[in-house]
Structures are given as C-alpha cells and as structure tokens.
Amino acid sequence: MTGKQKEFVLHYLKNKNATKAYMSVYGGSVETAANGGCRLLKKPEIKAFLQEQEALLLKELRERVAYTKEDSFNRLCEIQEKALNNEAKIEFTAALKAEELKGKLMGLYSDQSQKEEKTEPVEVIIRS
C-alpha cells in the first residue's frame, strides 16, 4: 500500500466521502475522483487498513468517554440529590430515574441477581 493510499484512507475517515478524499490526495476532476475513490475502497489492502483505522478511532473514543461503575454511580447520586433538593419543585421523575439507573448499574435489575439474592422490601420515603 502506498503512502498516498494511506493518506486517502485518512481523508476518507474524516468525512466518509471517497470523492473528496481522492481529490484532496490525488486531485483531478470530480468524475475521475468519484471513480478513483470507489476503485480504491474496493481494494482488499485499503479495506483492511480502513477497518484498522476505524477500530483505533473507536478505541480512542471509548477511552475518552469511559467511566467506571463508581464514577457513574456517584454522578447519578449527585443528579438525584439535586433533583430532590430543588426548592422550587421536587423533580420526582429525575430522582426516580437516577435511582433506577443506579440500581441497574449495580446489577439489581438483572435476571441473574434476582435468582442469586432474595431481598427484603425497602421503605421508600418521598419528600414533598
């Protein structure tokens, strides 16, 4: 695979437009670029390189937005507390949703956890 072909793939990843990617690397008319871009995307080595680059981008994106269970749980607690402490009006829906998401995060609503543990009823207090 040539350097220009790699450059084509990197340009293609930016906007998923083979014609524009071809024109930015090789130049030429729109018709030539459309045909050339399509032809390049069919080459097995370019397909493989494209998949590899997409996988790297996806991994990098996931690392940037990844949270631990603890981070998520703490954030949900903050949201719930803000909803309950809203002086103008209790944001009951937001508080309830936060509680539900905390439970899901901790595995309380999975089929497996229901089979493994029998839990006692929990008293729920709604502030008004």
N, C-alpha and C. Protein backbone atom coordinates (compact mmCIF):
# COMPACT_ATOMS: atom_id res chain seq x y z
N MET A 1 0.84 -1.17 0.00
CA MET A 1 0.00 0.00 0.00
C MET A 1 0.89 1.24 0.00
N THR A 2 0.55 2.18 -0.84
CA THR A 2 1.37 3.39 -0.97
C THR A 2 1.02 4.42 0.09
N GLY A 3 1.91 5.39 0.22
CA GLY A 3 1.67 6.48 1.15
C GLY A 3 0.43 7.28 0.79
N LYS A 4 0.22 7.48 -0.52
CA LYS A 4 -0.97 8.23 -0.96
C LYS A 4 -2.25 7.45 -0.66
N GLN A 5 -2.18 6.16 -0.77
CA GLN A 5 -3.36 5.35 -0.46
C GLN A 5 -3.70 5.46 1.03
N LYS A 6 -2.68 5.44 1.88
CA LYS A 6 -2.90 5.61 3.32
C LYS A 6 -3.48 7.00 3.59
N GLU A 7 -2.94 8.00 2.91
CA GLU A 7 -3.44 9.37 3.07
C GLU A 7 -4.91 9.46 2.62
N PHE A 8 -5.23 8.75 1.53
CA PHE A 8 -6.62 8.70 1.04
C PHE A 8 -7.54 8.16 2.13
N VAL A 9 -7.13 7.07 2.77
CA VAL A 9 -7.94 6.45 3.83
C VAL A 9 -8.14 7.43 4.98
N LEU A 10 -7.09 8.12 5.38
CA LEU A 10 -7.19 9.06 6.50
C LEU A 10 -8.12 10.23 6.16
N HIS A 11 -8.07 10.69 4.92
CA HIS A 11 -9.00 11.74 4.48
C HIS A 11 -10.43 11.19 4.42
N TYR A 12 -10.56 9.97 3.97
CA TYR A 12 -11.87 9.34 3.87
C TYR A 12 -12.52 9.21 5.26
N LEU A 13 -11.72 8.89 6.26
CA LEU A 13 -12.24 8.74 7.62
C LEU A 13 -12.84 10.04 8.17
N LYS A 14 -12.35 11.18 7.70
CA LYS A 14 -12.84 12.46 8.20
C LYS A 14 -14.27 12.74 7.80
N ASN A 15 -14.64 12.41 6.56
CA ASN A 15 -15.99 12.77 6.12
C ASN A 15 -16.74 11.66 5.38
N LYS A 16 -16.13 10.49 5.29
CA LYS A 16 -16.75 9.33 4.64
C LYS A 16 -17.19 9.65 3.21
N ASN A 17 -16.39 10.46 2.53
CA ASN A 17 -16.68 10.82 1.14
C ASN A 17 -15.46 10.48 0.30
N ALA A 18 -15.57 9.40 -0.47
CA ALA A 18 -14.43 8.90 -1.24
C ALA A 18 -14.01 9.90 -2.32
N THR A 19 -14.96 10.60 -2.93
CA THR A 19 -14.63 11.57 -3.99
C THR A 19 -13.80 12.71 -3.42
N LYS A 20 -14.23 13.27 -2.31
CA LYS A 20 -13.48 14.37 -1.68
C LYS A 20 -12.11 13.90 -1.20
N ALA A 21 -12.06 12.71 -0.63
CA ALA A 21 -10.78 12.17 -0.14
C ALA A 21 -9.82 11.97 -1.31
N TYR A 22 -10.33 11.44 -2.41
CA TYR A 22 -9.49 11.22 -3.59
C TYR A 22 -8.98 12.55 -4.13
N MET A 23 -9.87 13.53 -4.25
CA MET A 23 -9.47 14.84 -4.78
C MET A 23 -8.44 15.51 -3.90
N SER A 24 -8.55 15.38 -2.59
CA SER A 24 -7.58 16.04 -1.73
C SER A 24 -6.21 15.38 -1.79
N VAL A 25 -6.15 14.12 -2.16
CA VAL A 25 -4.86 13.44 -2.24
C VAL A 25 -4.31 13.43 -3.66
N TYR A 26 -5.15 13.09 -4.63
CA TYR A 26 -4.69 12.90 -6.00
C TYR A 26 -5.07 14.04 -6.94
N GLY A 27 -6.05 14.84 -6.56
CA GLY A 27 -6.51 15.90 -7.46
C GLY A 27 -7.40 15.32 -8.55
N GLY A 28 -7.54 16.04 -9.66
CA GLY A 28 -8.34 15.56 -10.79
C GLY A 28 -9.76 16.09 -10.74
N SER A 29 -10.52 15.69 -11.75
CA SER A 29 -11.91 16.14 -11.86
C SER A 29 -12.79 15.36 -10.89
N VAL A 30 -14.01 15.84 -10.73
CA VAL A 30 -14.96 15.17 -9.84
C VAL A 30 -15.25 13.76 -10.35
N GLU A 31 -15.41 13.64 -11.65
CA GLU A 31 -15.70 12.32 -12.24
C GLU A 31 -14.54 11.35 -12.02
N THR A 32 -13.33 11.82 -12.25
CA THR A 32 -12.14 10.99 -12.03
C THR A 32 -12.03 10.60 -10.56
N ALA A 33 -12.27 11.57 -9.68
CA ALA A 33 -12.16 11.32 -8.24
C ALA A 33 -13.23 10.33 -7.78
N ALA A 34 -14.44 10.45 -8.33
CA ALA A 34 -15.52 9.54 -7.95
C ALA A 34 -15.16 8.11 -8.34
N ASN A 35 -14.67 7.94 -9.54
CA ASN A 35 -14.27 6.60 -10.00
C ASN A 35 -13.07 6.08 -9.22
N GLY A 36 -12.07 6.95 -9.04
CA GLY A 36 -10.86 6.55 -8.33
C GLY A 36 -11.13 6.21 -6.87
N GLY A 37 -11.94 7.01 -6.21
CA GLY A 37 -12.28 6.75 -4.82
C GLY A 37 -13.00 5.43 -4.65
N CYS A 38 -13.96 5.19 -5.52
CA CYS A 38 -14.72 3.94 -5.49
C CYS A 38 -13.79 2.74 -5.72
N ARG A 39 -12.90 2.88 -6.68
CA ARG A 39 -11.95 1.81 -7.01
C ARG A 39 -11.04 1.52 -5.82
N LEU A 40 -10.54 2.57 -5.17
CA LEU A 40 -9.64 2.38 -4.03
C LEU A 40 -10.34 1.69 -2.87
N LEU A 41 -11.58 2.06 -2.61
CA LEU A 41 -12.31 1.45 -1.48
C LEU A 41 -12.58 -0.03 -1.68
N LYS A 42 -12.49 -0.51 -2.91
CA LYS A 42 -12.73 -1.93 -3.19
C LYS A 42 -11.47 -2.78 -3.00
N LYS A 43 -10.31 -2.15 -2.92
CA LYS A 43 -9.05 -2.90 -2.79
C LYS A 43 -8.97 -3.52 -1.40
N PRO A 44 -8.63 -4.81 -1.34
CA PRO A 44 -8.57 -5.51 -0.04
C PRO A 44 -7.61 -4.86 0.97
N GLU A 45 -6.46 -4.41 0.52
CA GLU A 45 -5.50 -3.82 1.45
C GLU A 45 -6.01 -2.48 1.99
N ILE A 46 -6.76 -1.76 1.18
CA ILE A 46 -7.32 -0.49 1.64
C ILE A 46 -8.48 -0.76 2.59
N LYS A 47 -9.30 -1.75 2.28
CA LYS A 47 -10.39 -2.14 3.18
C LYS A 47 -9.83 -2.51 4.56
N ALA A 48 -8.76 -3.30 4.55
CA ALA A 48 -8.16 -3.75 5.81
C ALA A 48 -7.61 -2.56 6.61
N PHE A 49 -6.89 -1.66 5.91
CA PHE A 49 -6.32 -0.50 6.58
C PHE A 49 -7.43 0.41 7.12
N LEU A 50 -8.50 0.56 6.36
CA LEU A 50 -9.64 1.37 6.78
C LEU A 50 -10.28 0.78 8.04
N GLN A 51 -10.48 -0.52 8.06
CA GLN A 51 -11.06 -1.16 9.24
C GLN A 51 -10.15 -1.01 10.46
N GLU A 52 -8.85 -1.15 10.23
CA GLU A 52 -7.87 -0.99 11.31
C GLU A 52 -7.92 0.42 11.89
N GLN A 53 -7.96 1.42 11.02
CA GLN A 53 -8.00 2.81 11.46
C GLN A 53 -9.32 3.14 12.17
N GLU A 54 -10.43 2.61 11.66
CA GLU A 54 -11.72 2.81 12.32
C GLU A 54 -11.73 2.20 13.71
N ALA A 55 -11.13 1.01 13.84
CA ALA A 55 -11.05 0.35 15.15
C ALA A 55 -10.22 1.18 16.13
N LEU A 56 -9.11 1.74 15.65
CA LEU A 56 -8.28 2.59 16.50
C LEU A 56 -9.03 3.85 16.95
N LEU A 57 -9.76 4.46 16.02
CA LEU A 57 -10.54 5.64 16.37
C LEU A 57 -11.63 5.32 17.39
N LEU A 58 -12.29 4.19 17.20
CA LEU A 58 -13.33 3.78 18.13
C LEU A 58 -12.76 3.50 19.51
N LYS A 59 -11.62 2.85 19.57
CA LYS A 59 -10.97 2.57 20.85
C LYS A 59 -10.60 3.87 21.56
N GLU A 60 -10.04 4.80 20.81
CA GLU A 60 -9.66 6.09 21.37
C GLU A 60 -10.88 6.85 21.89
N LEU A 61 -11.96 6.80 21.14
CA LEU A 61 -13.19 7.46 21.56
C LEU A 61 -13.75 6.84 22.84
N ARG A 62 -13.75 5.52 22.90
CA ARG A 62 -14.25 4.83 24.09
C ARG A 62 -13.41 5.17 25.32
N GLU A 63 -12.10 5.29 25.14
CA GLU A 63 -11.22 5.62 26.26
C GLU A 63 -11.50 7.03 26.77
N ARG A 64 -11.87 7.94 25.87
CA ARG A 64 -12.15 9.32 26.27
C ARG A 64 -13.44 9.44 27.05
N VAL A 65 -14.41 8.59 26.77
CA VAL A 65 -15.72 8.73 27.42
C VAL A 65 -16.01 7.64 28.45
N ALA A 66 -15.05 6.77 28.69
CA ALA A 66 -15.28 5.65 29.60
C ALA A 66 -15.36 6.13 31.05
N TYR A 67 -16.32 5.58 31.76
CA TYR A 67 -16.47 5.84 33.19
C TYR A 67 -16.44 4.50 33.91
N THR A 68 -15.99 4.54 35.13
CA THR A 68 -16.08 3.34 35.94
C THR A 68 -17.50 3.28 36.51
N LYS A 69 -17.87 2.13 37.04
CA LYS A 69 -19.17 2.00 37.69
C LYS A 69 -19.27 2.99 38.84
N GLU A 70 -18.19 3.15 39.56
CA GLU A 70 -18.19 4.07 40.70
C GLU A 70 -18.42 5.51 40.25
N ASP A 71 -17.74 5.93 39.15
CA ASP A 71 -17.94 7.27 38.62
C ASP A 71 -19.40 7.50 38.25
N SER A 72 -19.97 6.53 37.55
CA SER A 72 -21.36 6.63 37.12
C SER A 72 -22.30 6.68 38.32
N PHE A 73 -22.07 5.82 39.29
CA PHE A 73 -22.92 5.77 40.49
C PHE A 73 -22.87 7.11 41.23
N ASN A 74 -21.67 7.65 41.40
CA ASN A 74 -21.52 8.93 42.10
C ASN A 74 -22.21 10.06 41.35
N ARG A 75 -22.11 10.05 40.04
CA ARG A 75 -22.76 11.09 39.24
C ARG A 75 -24.28 10.97 39.36
N LEU A 76 -24.80 9.76 39.33
CA LEU A 76 -26.24 9.57 39.50
C LEU A 76 -26.71 10.02 40.88
N CYS A 77 -25.89 9.79 41.89
CA CYS A 77 -26.24 10.27 43.25
C CYS A 77 -26.31 11.80 43.27
N GLU A 78 -25.37 12.46 42.59
CA GLU A 78 -25.39 13.92 42.52
C GLU A 78 -26.66 14.42 41.82
N ILE A 79 -27.01 13.79 40.72
CA ILE A 79 -28.21 14.18 39.97
C ILE A 79 -29.44 14.00 40.84
N GLN A 80 -29.50 12.87 41.53
CA GLN A 80 -30.65 12.59 42.38
C GLN A 80 -30.75 13.61 43.51
N GLU A 81 -29.63 13.91 44.14
CA GLU A 81 -29.65 14.88 45.25
C GLU A 81 -30.09 16.25 44.77
N LYS A 82 -29.61 16.68 43.60
CA LYS A 82 -30.03 17.96 43.05
C LYS A 82 -31.53 17.96 42.76
N ALA A 83 -32.01 16.85 42.23
CA ALA A 83 -33.45 16.77 41.91
C ALA A 83 -34.28 16.84 43.18
N LEU A 84 -33.84 16.17 44.23
CA LEU A 84 -34.61 16.16 45.48
C LEU A 84 -34.51 17.48 46.24
N ASN A 85 -33.41 18.19 46.06
CA ASN A 85 -33.20 19.44 46.79
C ASN A 85 -33.63 20.67 46.02
N ASN A 86 -34.22 20.48 44.87
CA ASN A 86 -34.71 21.61 44.10
C ASN A 86 -35.83 22.28 44.89
N GLU A 87 -35.58 23.52 45.34
CA GLU A 87 -36.53 24.19 46.23
C GLU A 87 -37.82 24.59 45.51
N ALA A 88 -37.75 24.89 44.24
CA ALA A 88 -38.95 25.31 43.53
C ALA A 88 -39.96 24.16 43.43
N LYS A 89 -39.44 22.98 43.16
CA LYS A 89 -40.34 21.83 42.97
C LYS A 89 -39.49 20.57 43.00
N ILE A 90 -40.01 19.53 43.56
CA ILE A 90 -39.26 18.27 43.57
C ILE A 90 -39.31 17.67 42.17
N GLU A 91 -38.16 17.41 41.63
CA GLU A 91 -38.07 16.78 40.31
C GLU A 91 -38.13 15.27 40.52
N PHE A 92 -39.33 14.80 40.85
CA PHE A 92 -39.51 13.40 41.21
C PHE A 92 -39.10 12.46 40.08
N THR A 93 -39.44 12.80 38.85
CA THR A 93 -39.11 11.93 37.71
C THR A 93 -37.60 11.77 37.57
N ALA A 94 -36.87 12.87 37.68
CA ALA A 94 -35.41 12.81 37.56
C ALA A 94 -34.81 12.01 38.71
N ALA A 95 -35.33 12.22 39.92
CA ALA A 95 -34.82 11.49 41.08
C ALA A 95 -35.09 10.00 40.94
N LEU A 96 -36.29 9.67 40.50
CA LEU A 96 -36.66 8.27 40.32
C LEU A 96 -35.82 7.61 39.24
N LYS A 97 -35.59 8.32 38.15
CA LYS A 97 -34.78 7.79 37.05
C LYS A 97 -33.35 7.57 37.52
N ALA A 98 -32.81 8.50 38.28
CA ALA A 98 -31.46 8.33 38.81
C ALA A 98 -31.37 7.10 39.68
N GLU A 99 -32.38 6.90 40.52
CA GLU A 99 -32.40 5.72 41.39
C GLU A 99 -32.46 4.44 40.57
N GLU A 100 -33.28 4.46 39.54
CA GLU A 100 -33.39 3.29 38.66
C GLU A 100 -32.05 2.99 37.98
N LEU A 101 -31.40 4.02 37.48
CA LEU A 101 -30.12 3.83 36.80
C LEU A 101 -29.04 3.35 37.76
N LYS A 102 -29.07 3.86 38.99
CA LYS A 102 -28.11 3.38 40.00
C LYS A 102 -28.33 1.88 40.25
N GLY A 103 -29.58 1.48 40.35
CA GLY A 103 -29.89 0.06 40.56
C GLY A 103 -29.43 -0.80 39.40
N LYS A 104 -29.67 -0.32 38.19
CA LYS A 104 -29.23 -1.08 37.01
C LYS A 104 -27.71 -1.19 36.97
N LEU A 105 -27.05 -0.08 37.29
CA LEU A 105 -25.59 -0.05 37.29
C LEU A 105 -25.02 -1.07 38.27
N MET A 106 -25.68 -1.24 39.39
CA MET A 106 -25.21 -2.17 40.41
C MET A 106 -25.74 -3.59 40.19
N GLY A 107 -26.48 -3.79 39.09
CA GLY A 107 -26.95 -5.13 38.76
C GLY A 107 -28.20 -5.57 39.50
N LEU A 108 -28.94 -4.63 40.05
CA LEU A 108 -30.12 -5.01 40.83
C LEU A 108 -31.28 -5.50 39.97
N TYR A 109 -31.31 -5.12 38.71
CA TYR A 109 -32.46 -5.47 37.88
C TYR A 109 -32.16 -6.59 36.88
N SER A 110 -31.03 -7.23 37.01
CA SER A 110 -30.72 -8.31 36.07
C SER A 110 -31.38 -9.60 36.54
N ASP A 111 -31.64 -10.49 35.60
CA ASP A 111 -32.25 -11.77 35.95
C ASP A 111 -31.35 -12.56 36.89
N GLN A 112 -30.04 -12.47 36.67
CA GLN A 112 -29.09 -13.24 37.47
C GLN A 112 -29.14 -12.79 38.93
N SER A 113 -29.18 -11.47 39.18
CA SER A 113 -29.18 -11.01 40.57
C SER A 113 -30.46 -11.40 41.29
N GLN A 114 -31.58 -11.49 40.56
CA GLN A 114 -32.84 -11.88 41.19
C GLN A 114 -32.81 -13.35 41.59
N LYS A 115 -32.11 -14.16 40.84
CA LYS A 115 -32.03 -15.58 41.16
C LYS A 115 -31.08 -15.82 42.34
N GLU A 116 -30.01 -15.00 42.41
CA GLU A 116 -28.99 -15.21 43.43
C GLU A 116 -29.42 -14.70 44.80
N GLU A 117 -30.11 -13.56 44.85
CA GLU A 117 -30.43 -12.95 46.13
C GLU A 117 -31.92 -12.75 46.30
N LYS A 118 -32.37 -12.96 47.52
CA LYS A 118 -33.73 -12.58 47.89
C LYS A 118 -33.56 -11.34 48.73
N THR A 119 -34.18 -10.24 48.33
CA THR A 119 -34.03 -9.01 49.08
C THR A 119 -35.30 -8.70 49.85
N GLU A 120 -35.10 -8.04 50.97
CA GLU A 120 -36.21 -7.60 51.80
C GLU A 120 -36.82 -6.35 51.18
N PRO A 121 -38.10 -6.11 51.40
CA PRO A 121 -38.72 -4.88 50.89
C PRO A 121 -38.01 -3.66 51.46
N VAL A 122 -37.95 -2.61 50.67
CA VAL A 122 -37.30 -1.38 51.07
C VAL A 122 -38.34 -0.30 51.23
N GLU A 123 -38.27 0.44 52.33
CA GLU A 123 -39.20 1.53 52.55
C GLU A 123 -38.74 2.74 51.73
N VAL A 124 -39.66 3.34 50.99
CA VAL A 124 -39.34 4.49 50.16
C VAL A 124 -40.03 5.70 50.77
N ILE A 125 -39.25 6.75 50.98
CA ILE A 125 -39.79 7.99 51.55
C ILE A 125 -39.76 9.05 50.46
N ILE A 126 -40.91 9.63 50.20
CA ILE A 126 -41.00 10.69 49.19
C ILE A 126 -41.19 12.00 49.92
N ARG A 127 -40.23 12.91 49.68
CA ARG A 127 -40.32 14.23 50.31
C ARG A 127 -41.21 15.12 49.47
N SER A 128 -41.98 15.96 50.15
CA SER A 128 -42.82 16.90 49.41
C SER A 128 -42.68 18.30 49.97
